[in-house]
Amino acid sequence: AQFIWSTSTSDRDPHAIYADFSQAG
């Protein structure tokens, strides 16, 4: 019933989400 910060991928093996940006844009 509450909003929570919880963000994962891979079922039953939670991995946090990342993105790499090599240059501005």
PDBML (XML) file of the C-alpha atoms, coordinates in Angstrom:
<?xml version="1.0" encoding="UTF-8" ?>
<PDBx:datablock datablockName="MODEL"
   xmlns:PDBx="http://pdbml.pdb.org/schema/pdbx-v50.xsd"
   xmlns:xsi="http://www.w3.org/2001/XMLSchema-instance"
   xsi:schemaLocation="http://pdbml.pdb.org/schema/pdbx-v50.xsd pdbx-v50.xsd">
   <PDBx:atom_siteCategory>
      <PDBx:atom_site id="1">
         <PDBx:B_iso_or_equiv>0.00</PDBx:B_iso_or_equiv>
         <PDBx:Cartn_x>0.000</PDBx:Cartn_x>
         <PDBx:Cartn_y>0.000</PDBx:Cartn_y>
         <PDBx:Cartn_z>0.000</PDBx:Cartn_z>
         <PDBx:auth_asym_id>A</PDBx:auth_asym_id>
         <PDBx:auth_atom_id>CA</PDBx:auth_atom_id>
         <PDBx:auth_comp_id>ALA</PDBx:auth_comp_id>
         <PDBx:auth_seq_id>1</PDBx:auth_seq_id>
         <PDBx:group_PDB>ATOM</PDBx:group_PDB>
         <PDBx:label_alt_id xsi:nil="true" />
         <PDBx:label_asym_id>A</PDBx:label_asym_id>
         <PDBx:label_atom_id>CA</PDBx:label_atom_id>
         <PDBx:label_comp_id>ALA</PDBx:label_comp_id>
         <PDBx:label_entity_id>1</PDBx:label_entity_id>
         <PDBx:label_seq_id>1</PDBx:label_seq_id>
         <PDBx:occupancy>1.00</PDBx:occupancy>
         <PDBx:pdbx_PDB_model_num>1</PDBx:pdbx_PDB_model_num>
         <PDBx:type_symbol>C</PDBx:type_symbol>
      </PDBx:atom_site>
      <PDBx:atom_site id="2">
         <PDBx:B_iso_or_equiv>0.00</PDBx:B_iso_or_equiv>
         <PDBx:Cartn_x>3.074</PDBx:Cartn_x>
         <PDBx:Cartn_y>2.267</PDBx:Cartn_y>
         <PDBx:Cartn_z>0.007</PDBx:Cartn_z>
         <PDBx:auth_asym_id>A</PDBx:auth_asym_id>
         <PDBx:auth_atom_id>CA</PDBx:auth_atom_id>
         <PDBx:auth_comp_id>GLN</PDBx:auth_comp_id>
         <PDBx:auth_seq_id>2</PDBx:auth_seq_id>
         <PDBx:group_PDB>ATOM</PDBx:group_PDB>
         <PDBx:label_alt_id xsi:nil="true" />
         <PDBx:label_asym_id>A</PDBx:label_asym_id>
         <PDBx:label_atom_id>CA</PDBx:label_atom_id>
         <PDBx:label_comp_id>GLN</PDBx:label_comp_id>
         <PDBx:label_entity_id>1</PDBx:label_entity_id>
         <PDBx:label_seq_id>2</PDBx:label_seq_id>
         <PDBx:occupancy>1.00</PDBx:occupancy>
         <PDBx:pdbx_PDB_model_num>1</PDBx:pdbx_PDB_model_num>
         <PDBx:type_symbol>C</PDBx:type_symbol>
      </PDBx:atom_site>
      <PDBx:atom_site id="3">
         <PDBx:B_iso_or_equiv>0.00</PDBx:B_iso_or_equiv>
         <PDBx:Cartn_x>5.380</PDBx:Cartn_x>
         <PDBx:Cartn_y>3.743</PDBx:Cartn_y>
         <PDBx:Cartn_z>-2.589</PDBx:Cartn_z>
         <PDBx:auth_asym_id>A</PDBx:auth_asym_id>
         <PDBx:auth_atom_id>CA</PDBx:auth_atom_id>
         <PDBx:auth_comp_id>PHE</PDBx:auth_comp_id>
         <PDBx:auth_seq_id>3</PDBx:auth_seq_id>
         <PDBx:group_PDB>ATOM</PDBx:group_PDB>
         <PDBx:label_alt_id xsi:nil="true" />
         <PDBx:label_asym_id>A</PDBx:label_asym_id>
         <PDBx:label_atom_id>CA</PDBx:label_atom_id>
         <PDBx:label_comp_id>PHE</PDBx:label_comp_id>
         <PDBx:label_entity_id>1</PDBx:label_entity_id>
         <PDBx:label_seq_id>3</PDBx:label_seq_id>
         <PDBx:occupancy>1.00</PDBx:occupancy>
         <PDBx:pdbx_PDB_model_num>1</PDBx:pdbx_PDB_model_num>
         <PDBx:type_symbol>C</PDBx:type_symbol>
      </PDBx:atom_site>
      <PDBx:atom_site id="4">
         <PDBx:B_iso_or_equiv>0.00</PDBx:B_iso_or_equiv>
         <PDBx:Cartn_x>8.888</PDBx:Cartn_x>
         <PDBx:Cartn_y>2.346</PDBx:Cartn_y>
         <PDBx:Cartn_z>-2.158</PDBx:Cartn_z>
         <PDBx:auth_asym_id>A</PDBx:auth_asym_id>
         <PDBx:auth_atom_id>CA</PDBx:auth_atom_id>
         <PDBx:auth_comp_id>ILE</PDBx:auth_comp_id>
         <PDBx:auth_seq_id>4</PDBx:auth_seq_id>
         <PDBx:group_PDB>ATOM</PDBx:group_PDB>
         <PDBx:label_alt_id xsi:nil="true" />
         <PDBx:label_asym_id>A</PDBx:label_asym_id>
         <PDBx:label_atom_id>CA</PDBx:label_atom_id>
         <PDBx:label_comp_id>ILE</PDBx:label_comp_id>
         <PDBx:label_entity_id>1</PDBx:label_entity_id>
         <PDBx:label_seq_id>4</PDBx:label_seq_id>
         <PDBx:occupancy>1.00</PDBx:occupancy>
         <PDBx:pdbx_PDB_model_num>1</PDBx:pdbx_PDB_model_num>
         <PDBx:type_symbol>C</PDBx:type_symbol>
      </PDBx:atom_site>
      <PDBx:atom_site id="5">
         <PDBx:B_iso_or_equiv>0.00</PDBx:B_iso_or_equiv>
         <PDBx:Cartn_x>12.268</PDBx:Cartn_x>
         <PDBx:Cartn_y>2.769</PDBx:Cartn_y>
         <PDBx:Cartn_z>-3.843</PDBx:Cartn_z>
         <PDBx:auth_asym_id>A</PDBx:auth_asym_id>
         <PDBx:auth_atom_id>CA</PDBx:auth_atom_id>
         <PDBx:auth_comp_id>TRP</PDBx:auth_comp_id>
         <PDBx:auth_seq_id>5</PDBx:auth_seq_id>
         <PDBx:group_PDB>ATOM</PDBx:group_PDB>
         <PDBx:label_alt_id xsi:nil="true" />
         <PDBx:label_asym_id>A</PDBx:label_asym_id>
         <PDBx:label_atom_id>CA</PDBx:label_atom_id>
         <PDBx:label_comp_id>TRP</PDBx:label_comp_id>
         <PDBx:label_entity_id>1</PDBx:label_entity_id>
         <PDBx:label_seq_id>5</PDBx:label_seq_id>
         <PDBx:occupancy>1.00</PDBx:occupancy>
         <PDBx:pdbx_PDB_model_num>1</PDBx:pdbx_PDB_model_num>
         <PDBx:type_symbol>C</PDBx:type_symbol>
      </PDBx:atom_site>
      <PDBx:atom_site id="6">
         <PDBx:B_iso_or_equiv>0.00</PDBx:B_iso_or_equiv>
         <PDBx:Cartn_x>13.010</PDBx:Cartn_x>
         <PDBx:Cartn_y>-0.714</PDBx:Cartn_y>
         <PDBx:Cartn_z>-5.139</PDBx:Cartn_z>
         <PDBx:auth_asym_id>A</PDBx:auth_asym_id>
         <PDBx:auth_atom_id>CA</PDBx:auth_atom_id>
         <PDBx:auth_comp_id>SER</PDBx:auth_comp_id>
         <PDBx:auth_seq_id>6</PDBx:auth_seq_id>
         <PDBx:group_PDB>ATOM</PDBx:group_PDB>
         <PDBx:label_alt_id xsi:nil="true" />
         <PDBx:label_asym_id>A</PDBx:label_asym_id>
         <PDBx:label_atom_id>CA</PDBx:label_atom_id>
         <PDBx:label_comp_id>SER</PDBx:label_comp_id>
         <PDBx:label_entity_id>1</PDBx:label_entity_id>
         <PDBx:label_seq_id>6</PDBx:label_seq_id>
         <PDBx:occupancy>1.00</PDBx:occupancy>
         <PDBx:pdbx_PDB_model_num>1</PDBx:pdbx_PDB_model_num>
         <PDBx:type_symbol>C</PDBx:type_symbol>
      </PDBx:atom_site>
      <PDBx:atom_site id="7">
         <PDBx:B_iso_or_equiv>0.00</PDBx:B_iso_or_equiv>
         <PDBx:Cartn_x>14.442</PDBx:Cartn_x>
         <PDBx:Cartn_y>-1.203</PDBx:Cartn_y>
         <PDBx:Cartn_z>-8.639</PDBx:Cartn_z>
         <PDBx:auth_asym_id>A</PDBx:auth_asym_id>
         <PDBx:auth_atom_id>CA</PDBx:auth_atom_id>
         <PDBx:auth_comp_id>THR</PDBx:auth_comp_id>
         <PDBx:auth_seq_id>7</PDBx:auth_seq_id>
         <PDBx:group_PDB>ATOM</PDBx:group_PDB>
         <PDBx:label_alt_id xsi:nil="true" />
         <PDBx:label_asym_id>A</PDBx:label_asym_id>
         <PDBx:label_atom_id>CA</PDBx:label_atom_id>
         <PDBx:label_comp_id>THR</PDBx:label_comp_id>
         <PDBx:label_entity_id>1</PDBx:label_entity_id>
         <PDBx:label_seq_id>7</PDBx:label_seq_id>
         <PDBx:occupancy>1.00</PDBx:occupancy>
         <PDBx:pdbx_PDB_model_num>1</PDBx:pdbx_PDB_model_num>
         <PDBx:type_symbol>C</PDBx:type_symbol>
      </PDBx:atom_site>
      <PDBx:atom_site id="8">
         <PDBx:B_iso_or_equiv>0.00</PDBx:B_iso_or_equiv>
         <PDBx:Cartn_x>15.901</PDBx:Cartn_x>
         <PDBx:Cartn_y>-4.504</PDBx:Cartn_y>
         <PDBx:Cartn_z>-9.854</PDBx:Cartn_z>
         <PDBx:auth_asym_id>A</PDBx:auth_asym_id>
         <PDBx:auth_atom_id>CA</PDBx:auth_atom_id>
         <PDBx:auth_comp_id>SER</PDBx:auth_comp_id>
         <PDBx:auth_seq_id>8</PDBx:auth_seq_id>
         <PDBx:group_PDB>ATOM</PDBx:group_PDB>
         <PDBx:label_alt_id xsi:nil="true" />
         <PDBx:label_asym_id>A</PDBx:label_asym_id>
         <PDBx:label_atom_id>CA</PDBx:label_atom_id>
         <PDBx:label_comp_id>SER</PDBx:label_comp_id>
         <PDBx:label_entity_id>1</PDBx:label_entity_id>
         <PDBx:label_seq_id>8</PDBx:label_seq_id>
         <PDBx:occupancy>1.00</PDBx:occupancy>
         <PDBx:pdbx_PDB_model_num>1</PDBx:pdbx_PDB_model_num>
         <PDBx:type_symbol>C</PDBx:type_symbol>
      </PDBx:atom_site>
      <PDBx:atom_site id="9">
         <PDBx:B_iso_or_equiv>0.00</PDBx:B_iso_or_equiv>
         <PDBx:Cartn_x>16.182</PDBx:Cartn_x>
         <PDBx:Cartn_y>-6.843</PDBx:Cartn_y>
         <PDBx:Cartn_z>-12.806</PDBx:Cartn_z>
         <PDBx:auth_asym_id>A</PDBx:auth_asym_id>
         <PDBx:auth_atom_id>CA</PDBx:auth_atom_id>
         <PDBx:auth_comp_id>THR</PDBx:auth_comp_id>
         <PDBx:auth_seq_id>9</PDBx:auth_seq_id>
         <PDBx:group_PDB>ATOM</PDBx:group_PDB>
         <PDBx:label_alt_id xsi:nil="true" />
         <PDBx:label_asym_id>A</PDBx:label_asym_id>
         <PDBx:label_atom_id>CA</PDBx:label_atom_id>
         <PDBx:label_comp_id>THR</PDBx:label_comp_id>
         <PDBx:label_entity_id>1</PDBx:label_entity_id>
         <PDBx:label_seq_id>9</PDBx:label_seq_id>
         <PDBx:occupancy>1.00</PDBx:occupancy>
         <PDBx:pdbx_PDB_model_num>1</PDBx:pdbx_PDB_model_num>
         <PDBx:type_symbol>C</PDBx:type_symbol>
      </PDBx:atom_site>
      <PDBx:atom_site id="10">
         <PDBx:B_iso_or_equiv>0.00</PDBx:B_iso_or_equiv>
         <PDBx:Cartn_x>16.803</PDBx:Cartn_x>
         <PDBx:Cartn_y>-10.622</PDBx:Cartn_y>
         <PDBx:Cartn_z>-12.982</PDBx:Cartn_z>
         <PDBx:auth_asym_id>A</PDBx:auth_asym_id>
         <PDBx:auth_atom_id>CA</PDBx:auth_atom_id>
         <PDBx:auth_comp_id>SER</PDBx:auth_comp_id>
         <PDBx:auth_seq_id>10</PDBx:auth_seq_id>
         <PDBx:group_PDB>ATOM</PDBx:group_PDB>
         <PDBx:label_alt_id xsi:nil="true" />
         <PDBx:label_asym_id>A</PDBx:label_asym_id>
         <PDBx:label_atom_id>CA</PDBx:label_atom_id>
         <PDBx:label_comp_id>SER</PDBx:label_comp_id>
         <PDBx:label_entity_id>1</PDBx:label_entity_id>
         <PDBx:label_seq_id>10</PDBx:label_seq_id>
         <PDBx:occupancy>1.00</PDBx:occupancy>
         <PDBx:pdbx_PDB_model_num>1</PDBx:pdbx_PDB_model_num>
         <PDBx:type_symbol>C</PDBx:type_symbol>
      </PDBx:atom_site>
      <PDBx:atom_site id="11">
         <PDBx:B_iso_or_equiv>0.00</PDBx:B_iso_or_equiv>
         <PDBx:Cartn_x>14.215</PDBx:Cartn_x>
         <PDBx:Cartn_y>-12.683</PDBx:Cartn_y>
         <PDBx:Cartn_z>-11.078</PDBx:Cartn_z>
         <PDBx:auth_asym_id>A</PDBx:auth_asym_id>
         <PDBx:auth_atom_id>CA</PDBx:auth_atom_id>
         <PDBx:auth_comp_id>ASP</PDBx:auth_comp_id>
         <PDBx:auth_seq_id>11</PDBx:auth_seq_id>
         <PDBx:group_PDB>ATOM</PDBx:group_PDB>
         <PDBx:label_alt_id xsi:nil="true" />
         <PDBx:label_asym_id>A</PDBx:label_asym_id>
         <PDBx:label_atom_id>CA</PDBx:label_atom_id>
         <PDBx:label_comp_id>ASP</PDBx:label_comp_id>
         <PDBx:label_entity_id>1</PDBx:label_entity_id>
         <PDBx:label_seq_id>11</PDBx:label_seq_id>
         <PDBx:occupancy>1.00</PDBx:occupancy>
         <PDBx:pdbx_PDB_model_num>1</PDBx:pdbx_PDB_model_num>
         <PDBx:type_symbol>C</PDBx:type_symbol>
      </PDBx:atom_site>
      <PDBx:atom_site id="12">
         <PDBx:B_iso_or_equiv>0.00</PDBx:B_iso_or_equiv>
         <PDBx:Cartn_x>15.285</PDBx:Cartn_x>
         <PDBx:Cartn_y>-13.994</PDBx:Cartn_y>
         <PDBx:Cartn_z>-7.660</PDBx:Cartn_z>
         <PDBx:auth_asym_id>A</PDBx:auth_asym_id>
         <PDBx:auth_atom_id>CA</PDBx:auth_atom_id>
         <PDBx:auth_comp_id>ARG</PDBx:auth_comp_id>
         <PDBx:auth_seq_id>12</PDBx:auth_seq_id>
         <PDBx:group_PDB>ATOM</PDBx:group_PDB>
         <PDBx:label_alt_id xsi:nil="true" />
         <PDBx:label_asym_id>A</PDBx:label_asym_id>
         <PDBx:label_atom_id>CA</PDBx:label_atom_id>
         <PDBx:label_comp_id>ARG</PDBx:label_comp_id>
         <PDBx:label_entity_id>1</PDBx:label_entity_id>
         <PDBx:label_seq_id>12</PDBx:label_seq_id>
         <PDBx:occupancy>1.00</PDBx:occupancy>
         <PDBx:pdbx_PDB_model_num>1</PDBx:pdbx_PDB_model_num>
         <PDBx:type_symbol>C</PDBx:type_symbol>
      </PDBx:atom_site>
      <PDBx:atom_site id="13">
         <PDBx:B_iso_or_equiv>0.00</PDBx:B_iso_or_equiv>
         <PDBx:Cartn_x>18.746</PDBx:Cartn_x>
         <PDBx:Cartn_y>-12.573</PDBx:Cartn_y>
         <PDBx:Cartn_z>-8.310</PDBx:Cartn_z>
         <PDBx:auth_asym_id>A</PDBx:auth_asym_id>
         <PDBx:auth_atom_id>CA</PDBx:auth_atom_id>
         <PDBx:auth_comp_id>ASP</PDBx:auth_comp_id>
         <PDBx:auth_seq_id>13</PDBx:auth_seq_id>
         <PDBx:group_PDB>ATOM</PDBx:group_PDB>
         <PDBx:label_alt_id xsi:nil="true" />
         <PDBx:label_asym_id>A</PDBx:label_asym_id>
         <PDBx:label_atom_id>CA</PDBx:label_atom_id>
         <PDBx:label_comp_id>ASP</PDBx:label_comp_id>
         <PDBx:label_entity_id>1</PDBx:label_entity_id>
         <PDBx:label_seq_id>13</PDBx:label_seq_id>
         <PDBx:occupancy>1.00</PDBx:occupancy>
         <PDBx:pdbx_PDB_model_num>1</PDBx:pdbx_PDB_model_num>
         <PDBx:type_symbol>C</PDBx:type_symbol>
      </PDBx:atom_site>
      <PDBx:atom_site id="14">
         <PDBx:B_iso_or_equiv>0.00</PDBx:B_iso_or_equiv>
         <PDBx:Cartn_x>18.217</PDBx:Cartn_x>
         <PDBx:Cartn_y>-8.809</PDBx:Cartn_y>
         <PDBx:Cartn_z>-8.028</PDBx:Cartn_z>
         <PDBx:auth_asym_id>A</PDBx:auth_asym_id>
         <PDBx:auth_atom_id>CA</PDBx:auth_atom_id>
         <PDBx:auth_comp_id>PRO</PDBx:auth_comp_id>
         <PDBx:auth_seq_id>14</PDBx:auth_seq_id>
         <PDBx:group_PDB>ATOM</PDBx:group_PDB>
         <PDBx:label_alt_id xsi:nil="true" />
         <PDBx:label_asym_id>A</PDBx:label_asym_id>
         <PDBx:label_atom_id>CA</PDBx:label_atom_id>
         <PDBx:label_comp_id>PRO</PDBx:label_comp_id>
         <PDBx:label_entity_id>1</PDBx:label_entity_id>
         <PDBx:label_seq_id>14</PDBx:label_seq_id>
         <PDBx:occupancy>1.00</PDBx:occupancy>
         <PDBx:pdbx_PDB_model_num>1</PDBx:pdbx_PDB_model_num>
         <PDBx:type_symbol>C</PDBx:type_symbol>
      </PDBx:atom_site>
      <PDBx:atom_site id="15">
         <PDBx:B_iso_or_equiv>0.00</PDBx:B_iso_or_equiv>
         <PDBx:Cartn_x>20.652</PDBx:Cartn_x>
         <PDBx:Cartn_y>-6.594</PDBx:Cartn_y>
         <PDBx:Cartn_z>-9.936</PDBx:Cartn_z>
         <PDBx:auth_asym_id>A</PDBx:auth_asym_id>
         <PDBx:auth_atom_id>CA</PDBx:auth_atom_id>
         <PDBx:auth_comp_id>HIS</PDBx:auth_comp_id>
         <PDBx:auth_seq_id>15</PDBx:auth_seq_id>
         <PDBx:group_PDB>ATOM</PDBx:group_PDB>
         <PDBx:label_alt_id xsi:nil="true" />
         <PDBx:label_asym_id>A</PDBx:label_asym_id>
         <PDBx:label_atom_id>CA</PDBx:label_atom_id>
         <PDBx:label_comp_id>HIS</PDBx:label_comp_id>
         <PDBx:label_entity_id>1</PDBx:label_entity_id>
         <PDBx:label_seq_id>15</PDBx:label_seq_id>
         <PDBx:occupancy>1.00</PDBx:occupancy>
         <PDBx:pdbx_PDB_model_num>1</PDBx:pdbx_PDB_model_num>
         <PDBx:type_symbol>C</PDBx:type_symbol>
      </PDBx:atom_site>
      <PDBx:atom_site id="16">
         <PDBx:B_iso_or_equiv>0.00</PDBx:B_iso_or_equiv>
         <PDBx:Cartn_x>20.572</PDBx:Cartn_x>
         <PDBx:Cartn_y>-2.804</PDBx:Cartn_y>
         <PDBx:Cartn_z>-9.710</PDBx:Cartn_z>
         <PDBx:auth_asym_id>A</PDBx:auth_asym_id>
         <PDBx:auth_atom_id>CA</PDBx:auth_atom_id>
         <PDBx:auth_comp_id>ALA</PDBx:auth_comp_id>
         <PDBx:auth_seq_id>16</PDBx:auth_seq_id>
         <PDBx:group_PDB>ATOM</PDBx:group_PDB>
         <PDBx:label_alt_id xsi:nil="true" />
         <PDBx:label_asym_id>A</PDBx:label_asym_id>
         <PDBx:label_atom_id>CA</PDBx:label_atom_id>
         <PDBx:label_comp_id>ALA</PDBx:label_comp_id>
         <PDBx:label_entity_id>1</PDBx:label_entity_id>
         <PDBx:label_seq_id>16</PDBx:label_seq_id>
         <PDBx:occupancy>1.00</PDBx:occupancy>
         <PDBx:pdbx_PDB_model_num>1</PDBx:pdbx_PDB_model_num>
         <PDBx:type_symbol>C</PDBx:type_symbol>
      </PDBx:atom_site>
      <PDBx:atom_site id="17">
         <PDBx:B_iso_or_equiv>0.00</PDBx:B_iso_or_equiv>
         <PDBx:Cartn_x>20.155</PDBx:Cartn_x>
         <PDBx:Cartn_y>-0.864</PDBx:Cartn_y>
         <PDBx:Cartn_z>-12.978</PDBx:Cartn_z>
         <PDBx:auth_asym_id>A</PDBx:auth_asym_id>
         <PDBx:auth_atom_id>CA</PDBx:auth_atom_id>
         <PDBx:auth_comp_id>ILE</PDBx:auth_comp_id>
         <PDBx:auth_seq_id>17</PDBx:auth_seq_id>
         <PDBx:group_PDB>ATOM</PDBx:group_PDB>
         <PDBx:label_alt_id xsi:nil="true" />
         <PDBx:label_asym_id>A</PDBx:label_asym_id>
         <PDBx:label_atom_id>CA</PDBx:label_atom_id>
         <PDBx:label_comp_id>ILE</PDBx:label_comp_id>
         <PDBx:label_entity_id>1</PDBx:label_entity_id>
         <PDBx:label_seq_id>17</PDBx:label_seq_id>
         <PDBx:occupancy>1.00</PDBx:occupancy>
         <PDBx:pdbx_PDB_model_num>1</PDBx:pdbx_PDB_model_num>
         <PDBx:type_symbol>C</PDBx:type_symbol>
      </PDBx:atom_site>
      <PDBx:atom_site id="18">
         <PDBx:B_iso_or_equiv>0.00</PDBx:B_iso_or_equiv>
         <PDBx:Cartn_x>23.021</PDBx:Cartn_x>
         <PDBx:Cartn_y>1.154</PDBx:Cartn_y>
         <PDBx:Cartn_z>-14.496</PDBx:Cartn_z>
         <PDBx:auth_asym_id>A</PDBx:auth_asym_id>
         <PDBx:auth_atom_id>CA</PDBx:auth_atom_id>
         <PDBx:auth_comp_id>TYR</PDBx:auth_comp_id>
         <PDBx:auth_seq_id>18</PDBx:auth_seq_id>
         <PDBx:group_PDB>ATOM</PDBx:group_PDB>
         <PDBx:label_alt_id xsi:nil="true" />
         <PDBx:label_asym_id>A</PDBx:label_asym_id>
         <PDBx:label_atom_id>CA</PDBx:label_atom_id>
         <PDBx:label_comp_id>TYR</PDBx:label_comp_id>
         <PDBx:label_entity_id>1</PDBx:label_entity_id>
         <PDBx:label_seq_id>18</PDBx:label_seq_id>
         <PDBx:occupancy>1.00</PDBx:occupancy>
         <PDBx:pdbx_PDB_model_num>1</PDBx:pdbx_PDB_model_num>
         <PDBx:type_symbol>C</PDBx:type_symbol>
      </PDBx:atom_site>
      <PDBx:atom_site id="19">
         <PDBx:B_iso_or_equiv>0.00</PDBx:B_iso_or_equiv>
         <PDBx:Cartn_x>23.781</PDBx:Cartn_x>
         <PDBx:Cartn_y>3.088</PDBx:Cartn_y>
         <PDBx:Cartn_z>-17.685</PDBx:Cartn_z>
         <PDBx:auth_asym_id>A</PDBx:auth_asym_id>
         <PDBx:auth_atom_id>CA</PDBx:auth_atom_id>
         <PDBx:auth_comp_id>ALA</PDBx:auth_comp_id>
         <PDBx:auth_seq_id>19</PDBx:auth_seq_id>
         <PDBx:group_PDB>ATOM</PDBx:group_PDB>
         <PDBx:label_alt_id xsi:nil="true" />
         <PDBx:label_asym_id>A</PDBx:label_asym_id>
         <PDBx:label_atom_id>CA</PDBx:label_atom_id>
         <PDBx:label_comp_id>ALA</PDBx:label_comp_id>
         <PDBx:label_entity_id>1</PDBx:label_entity_id>
         <PDBx:label_seq_id>19</PDBx:label_seq_id>
         <PDBx:occupancy>1.00</PDBx:occupancy>
         <PDBx:pdbx_PDB_model_num>1</PDBx:pdbx_PDB_model_num>
         <PDBx:type_symbol>C</PDBx:type_symbol>
      </PDBx:atom_site>
      <PDBx:atom_site id="20">
         <PDBx:B_iso_or_equiv>0.00</PDBx:B_iso_or_equiv>
         <PDBx:Cartn_x>27.155</PDBx:Cartn_x>
         <PDBx:Cartn_y>4.380</PDBx:Cartn_y>
         <PDBx:Cartn_z>-18.892</PDBx:Cartn_z>
         <PDBx:auth_asym_id>A</PDBx:auth_asym_id>
         <PDBx:auth_atom_id>CA</PDBx:auth_atom_id>
         <PDBx:auth_comp_id>ASP</PDBx:auth_comp_id>
         <PDBx:auth_seq_id>20</PDBx:auth_seq_id>
         <PDBx:group_PDB>ATOM</PDBx:group_PDB>
         <PDBx:label_alt_id xsi:nil="true" />
         <PDBx:label_asym_id>A</PDBx:label_asym_id>
         <PDBx:label_atom_id>CA</PDBx:label_atom_id>
         <PDBx:label_comp_id>ASP</PDBx:label_comp_id>
         <PDBx:label_entity_id>1</PDBx:label_entity_id>
         <PDBx:label_seq_id>20</PDBx:label_seq_id>
         <PDBx:occupancy>1.00</PDBx:occupancy>
         <PDBx:pdbx_PDB_model_num>1</PDBx:pdbx_PDB_model_num>
         <PDBx:type_symbol>C</PDBx:type_symbol>
      </PDBx:atom_site>
      <PDBx:atom_site id="21">
         <PDBx:B_iso_or_equiv>0.00</PDBx:B_iso_or_equiv>
         <PDBx:Cartn_x>27.428</PDBx:Cartn_x>
         <PDBx:Cartn_y>7.622</PDBx:Cartn_y>
         <PDBx:Cartn_z>-20.883</PDBx:Cartn_z>
         <PDBx:auth_asym_id>A</PDBx:auth_asym_id>
         <PDBx:auth_atom_id>CA</PDBx:auth_atom_id>
         <PDBx:auth_comp_id>PHE</PDBx:auth_comp_id>
         <PDBx:auth_seq_id>21</PDBx:auth_seq_id>
         <PDBx:group_PDB>ATOM</PDBx:group_PDB>
         <PDBx:label_alt_id xsi:nil="true" />
         <PDBx:label_asym_id>A</PDBx:label_asym_id>
         <PDBx:label_atom_id>CA</PDBx:label_atom_id>
         <PDBx:label_comp_id>PHE</PDBx:label_comp_id>
         <PDBx:label_entity_id>1</PDBx:label_entity_id>
         <PDBx:label_seq_id>21</PDBx:label_seq_id>
         <PDBx:occupancy>1.00</PDBx:occupancy>
         <PDBx:pdbx_PDB_model_num>1</PDBx:pdbx_PDB_model_num>
         <PDBx:type_symbol>C</PDBx:type_symbol>
      </PDBx:atom_site>
      <PDBx:atom_site id="22">
         <PDBx:B_iso_or_equiv>0.00</PDBx:B_iso_or_equiv>
         <PDBx:Cartn_x>30.818</PDBx:Cartn_x>
         <PDBx:Cartn_y>8.294</PDBx:Cartn_y>
         <PDBx:Cartn_z>-22.459</PDBx:Cartn_z>
         <PDBx:auth_asym_id>A</PDBx:auth_asym_id>
         <PDBx:auth_atom_id>CA</PDBx:auth_atom_id>
         <PDBx:auth_comp_id>SER</PDBx:auth_comp_id>
         <PDBx:auth_seq_id>22</PDBx:auth_seq_id>
         <PDBx:group_PDB>ATOM</PDBx:group_PDB>
         <PDBx:label_alt_id xsi:nil="true" />
         <PDBx:label_asym_id>A</PDBx:label_asym_id>
         <PDBx:label_atom_id>CA</PDBx:label_atom_id>
         <PDBx:label_comp_id>SER</PDBx:label_comp_id>
         <PDBx:label_entity_id>1</PDBx:label_entity_id>
         <PDBx:label_seq_id>22</PDBx:label_seq_id>
         <PDBx:occupancy>1.00</PDBx:occupancy>
         <PDBx:pdbx_PDB_model_num>1</PDBx:pdbx_PDB_model_num>
         <PDBx:type_symbol>C</PDBx:type_symbol>
      </PDBx:atom_site>
      <PDBx:atom_site id="23">
         <PDBx:B_iso_or_equiv>0.00</PDBx:B_iso_or_equiv>
         <PDBx:Cartn_x>30.014</PDBx:Cartn_x>
         <PDBx:Cartn_y>11.816</PDBx:Cartn_y>
         <PDBx:Cartn_z>-23.599</PDBx:Cartn_z>
         <PDBx:auth_asym_id>A</PDBx:auth_asym_id>
         <PDBx:auth_atom_id>CA</PDBx:auth_atom_id>
         <PDBx:auth_comp_id>GLN</PDBx:auth_comp_id>
         <PDBx:auth_seq_id>23</PDBx:auth_seq_id>
         <PDBx:group_PDB>ATOM</PDBx:group_PDB>
         <PDBx:label_alt_id xsi:nil="true" />
         <PDBx:label_asym_id>A</PDBx:label_asym_id>
         <PDBx:label_atom_id>CA</PDBx:label_atom_id>
         <PDBx:label_comp_id>GLN</PDBx:label_comp_id>
         <PDBx:label_entity_id>1</PDBx:label_entity_id>
         <PDBx:label_seq_id>23</PDBx:label_seq_id>
         <PDBx:occupancy>1.00</PDBx:occupancy>
         <PDBx:pdbx_PDB_model_num>1</PDBx:pdbx_PDB_model_num>
         <PDBx:type_symbol>C</PDBx:type_symbol>
      </PDBx:atom_site>
      <PDBx:atom_site id="24">
         <PDBx:B_iso_or_equiv>0.00</PDBx:B_iso_or_equiv>
         <PDBx:Cartn_x>27.639</PDBx:Cartn_x>
         <PDBx:Cartn_y>14.650</PDBx:Cartn_y>
         <PDBx:Cartn_z>-22.877</PDBx:Cartn_z>
         <PDBx:auth_asym_id>A</PDBx:auth_asym_id>
         <PDBx:auth_atom_id>CA</PDBx:auth_atom_id>
         <PDBx:auth_comp_id>ALA</PDBx:auth_comp_id>
         <PDBx:auth_seq_id>24</PDBx:auth_seq_id>
         <PDBx:group_PDB>ATOM</PDBx:group_PDB>
         <PDBx:label_alt_id xsi:nil="true" />
         <PDBx:label_asym_id>A</PDBx:label_asym_id>
         <PDBx:label_atom_id>CA</PDBx:label_atom_id>
         <PDBx:label_comp_id>ALA</PDBx:label_comp_id>
         <PDBx:label_entity_id>1</PDBx:label_entity_id>
         <PDBx:label_seq_id>24</PDBx:label_seq_id>
         <PDBx:occupancy>1.00</PDBx:occupancy>
         <PDBx:pdbx_PDB_model_num>1</PDBx:pdbx_PDB_model_num>
         <PDBx:type_symbol>C</PDBx:type_symbol>
      </PDBx:atom_site>
      <PDBx:atom_site id="25">
         <PDBx:B_iso_or_equiv>0.00</PDBx:B_iso_or_equiv>
         <PDBx:Cartn_x>24.491</PDBx:Cartn_x>
         <PDBx:Cartn_y>14.752</PDBx:Cartn_y>
         <PDBx:Cartn_z>-24.975</PDBx:Cartn_z>
         <PDBx:auth_asym_id>A</PDBx:auth_asym_id>
         <PDBx:auth_atom_id>CA</PDBx:auth_atom_id>
         <PDBx:auth_comp_id>GLY</PDBx:auth_comp_id>
         <PDBx:auth_seq_id>25</PDBx:auth_seq_id>
         <PDBx:group_PDB>ATOM</PDBx:group_PDB>
         <PDBx:label_alt_id xsi:nil="true" />
         <PDBx:label_asym_id>A</PDBx:label_asym_id>
         <PDBx:label_atom_id>CA</PDBx:label_atom_id>
         <PDBx:label_comp_id>GLY</PDBx:label_comp_id>
         <PDBx:label_entity_id>1</PDBx:label_entity_id>
         <PDBx:label_seq_id>25</PDBx:label_seq_id>
         <PDBx:occupancy>1.00</PDBx:occupancy>
         <PDBx:pdbx_PDB_model_num>1</PDBx:pdbx_PDB_model_num>
         <PDBx:type_symbol>C</PDBx:type_symbol>
      </PDBx:atom_site>
   </PDBx:atom_siteCategory>
</PDBx:datablock>
